[in-house]
């Protein structure tokens, strides 16, 4: 028997709760990708692709500049362990310590 799990044509989406754009840092993902998202919502795929290419090229240029200057990429939410990136305050740790996500701290 076939049945519809979710009818995306009648599905009402809800707005996500997130910080106001002004309070976000310059490297926050939603802020960086807002033009791409806008053009995709407007069904302007060519413009979205162009914005995506601009963003990615800017990121490549910044990475090249950091490398030339011997600067290391500073992360806000992850730290490097060997060849892997680990979230500073994973859910398992928050549940164990029962600390809200707003109290994120970088491990020692």
Protein backbone atom coordinates (compact mmCIF):
# COMPACT_ATOMS: atom_id res chain seq x y z
CA UNK A 1 0.00 0.00 0.00
CA UNK A 2 1.37 3.42 -0.98
CA UNK A 3 0.57 6.43 1.13
CA UNK A 4 1.82 9.98 1.33
CA UNK A 5 4.11 10.61 4.30
CA UNK A 6 4.36 14.39 3.83
CA UNK A 7 2.62 16.41 1.16
CA UNK A 8 5.16 19.14 0.51
CA UNK A 9 2.68 21.08 -1.61
CA UNK A 10 0.37 21.68 1.34
CA UNK A 11 3.00 21.60 4.08
CA UNK A 12 3.30 24.89 5.94
CA UNK A 13 6.82 25.70 6.96
CA UNK A 14 7.56 27.61 10.11
CA UNK A 15 10.26 30.15 10.72
CA UNK A 16 13.28 28.99 12.64
CA UNK A 17 14.12 30.69 15.87
CA UNK A 18 17.54 32.26 15.58
CA UNK A 19 19.47 35.31 16.64
CA UNK A 20 18.69 38.52 14.85
CA UNK A 21 21.09 39.09 11.94
CA UNK A 22 22.69 42.12 13.59
CA UNK A 23 23.78 40.06 16.59
CA UNK A 24 25.51 37.47 14.42
CA UNK A 25 29.18 37.54 13.64
CA UNK A 26 30.47 38.28 10.14
CA UNK A 27 31.25 34.59 9.52
CA UNK A 28 27.88 33.20 10.64
CA UNK A 29 26.61 30.74 8.04
CA UNK A 30 23.15 32.27 7.53
CA UNK A 31 24.69 35.67 7.02
CA UNK A 32 27.30 34.40 4.56
CA UNK A 33 24.80 32.43 2.50
CA UNK A 34 21.86 34.87 2.69
CA UNK A 35 22.21 36.05 -0.95
CA UNK A 36 22.39 32.48 -2.23
CA UNK A 37 19.30 31.59 -0.19
CA UNK A 38 17.45 34.68 -1.41
CA UNK A 39 18.06 33.88 -5.08
CA UNK A 40 17.11 30.23 -4.61
CA UNK A 41 13.82 31.26 -3.00
CA UNK A 42 13.24 33.57 -5.97
CA UNK A 43 14.01 30.64 -8.32
CA UNK A 44 16.93 32.59 -9.78
CA UNK A 45 19.37 29.69 -9.91
CA UNK A 46 21.94 31.45 -12.10
CA UNK A 47 22.17 34.36 -9.66
CA UNK A 48 22.35 31.93 -6.71
CA UNK A 49 25.17 30.06 -8.44
CA UNK A 50 27.06 33.30 -9.09
CA UNK A 51 26.72 34.34 -5.41
CA UNK A 52 27.87 30.88 -4.32
CA UNK A 53 30.95 31.13 -6.54
CA UNK A 54 31.75 34.60 -5.16
CA UNK A 55 31.45 33.37 -1.58
CA UNK A 56 33.59 30.30 -2.17
CA UNK A 57 36.25 32.29 -4.04
CA UNK A 58 36.40 34.83 -1.20
CA UNK A 59 36.87 31.94 1.26
CA UNK A 60 39.65 30.46 -0.90
CA UNK A 61 41.36 33.86 -1.13
CA UNK A 62 41.14 34.33 2.65
CA UNK A 63 42.57 30.84 3.25
CA UNK A 64 45.44 31.55 0.85
CA UNK A 65 46.17 34.85 2.61
CA UNK A 66 46.16 33.16 6.03
CA UNK A 67 48.53 30.50 4.75
CA UNK A 68 50.90 33.09 3.26
CA UNK A 69 50.92 35.01 6.55
CA UNK A 70 51.35 31.85 8.64
CA UNK A 71 48.06 32.45 10.44
CA UNK A 72 46.00 29.55 11.75
CA UNK A 73 42.24 29.42 11.23
CA UNK A 74 40.50 30.36 14.49
CA UNK A 75 37.30 28.42 15.10
CA UNK A 76 34.48 29.30 17.45
CA UNK A 77 32.71 25.98 17.99
CA UNK A 78 35.20 23.25 17.01
CA UNK A 79 38.73 22.17 17.88
CA UNK A 80 41.09 19.93 15.97
CA UNK A 81 41.96 16.48 17.28
CA UNK A 82 44.46 14.88 14.93
CA UNK A 83 42.86 14.98 11.50
CA UNK A 84 39.33 15.48 12.86
CA UNK A 85 37.25 18.43 14.05
CA UNK A 86 35.32 18.01 17.31
CA UNK A 87 32.49 20.20 18.58
CA UNK A 88 33.45 21.97 21.83
CA UNK A 89 30.22 21.15 23.65
CA UNK A 90 28.54 18.08 22.12
CA UNK A 91 25.03 17.05 23.08
CA UNK A 92 26.27 14.02 25.04
CA UNK A 93 28.40 16.30 27.20
CA UNK A 94 25.57 18.83 27.69
CA UNK A 95 23.15 16.09 28.71
CA UNK A 96 25.69 14.60 31.11
CA UNK A 97 26.45 17.97 32.72
CA UNK A 98 22.92 19.33 32.18
CA UNK A 99 24.34 22.65 31.04
CA UNK A 100 22.36 24.76 28.59
CA UNK A 101 23.91 25.36 25.19
CA UNK A 102 24.27 29.03 26.04
CA UNK A 103 27.07 28.12 28.46
CA UNK A 104 29.41 26.78 25.77
CA UNK A 105 33.03 26.78 26.76
CA UNK A 106 36.09 25.74 24.86
CA UNK A 107 37.79 22.67 26.37
CA UNK A 108 41.13 23.13 28.11
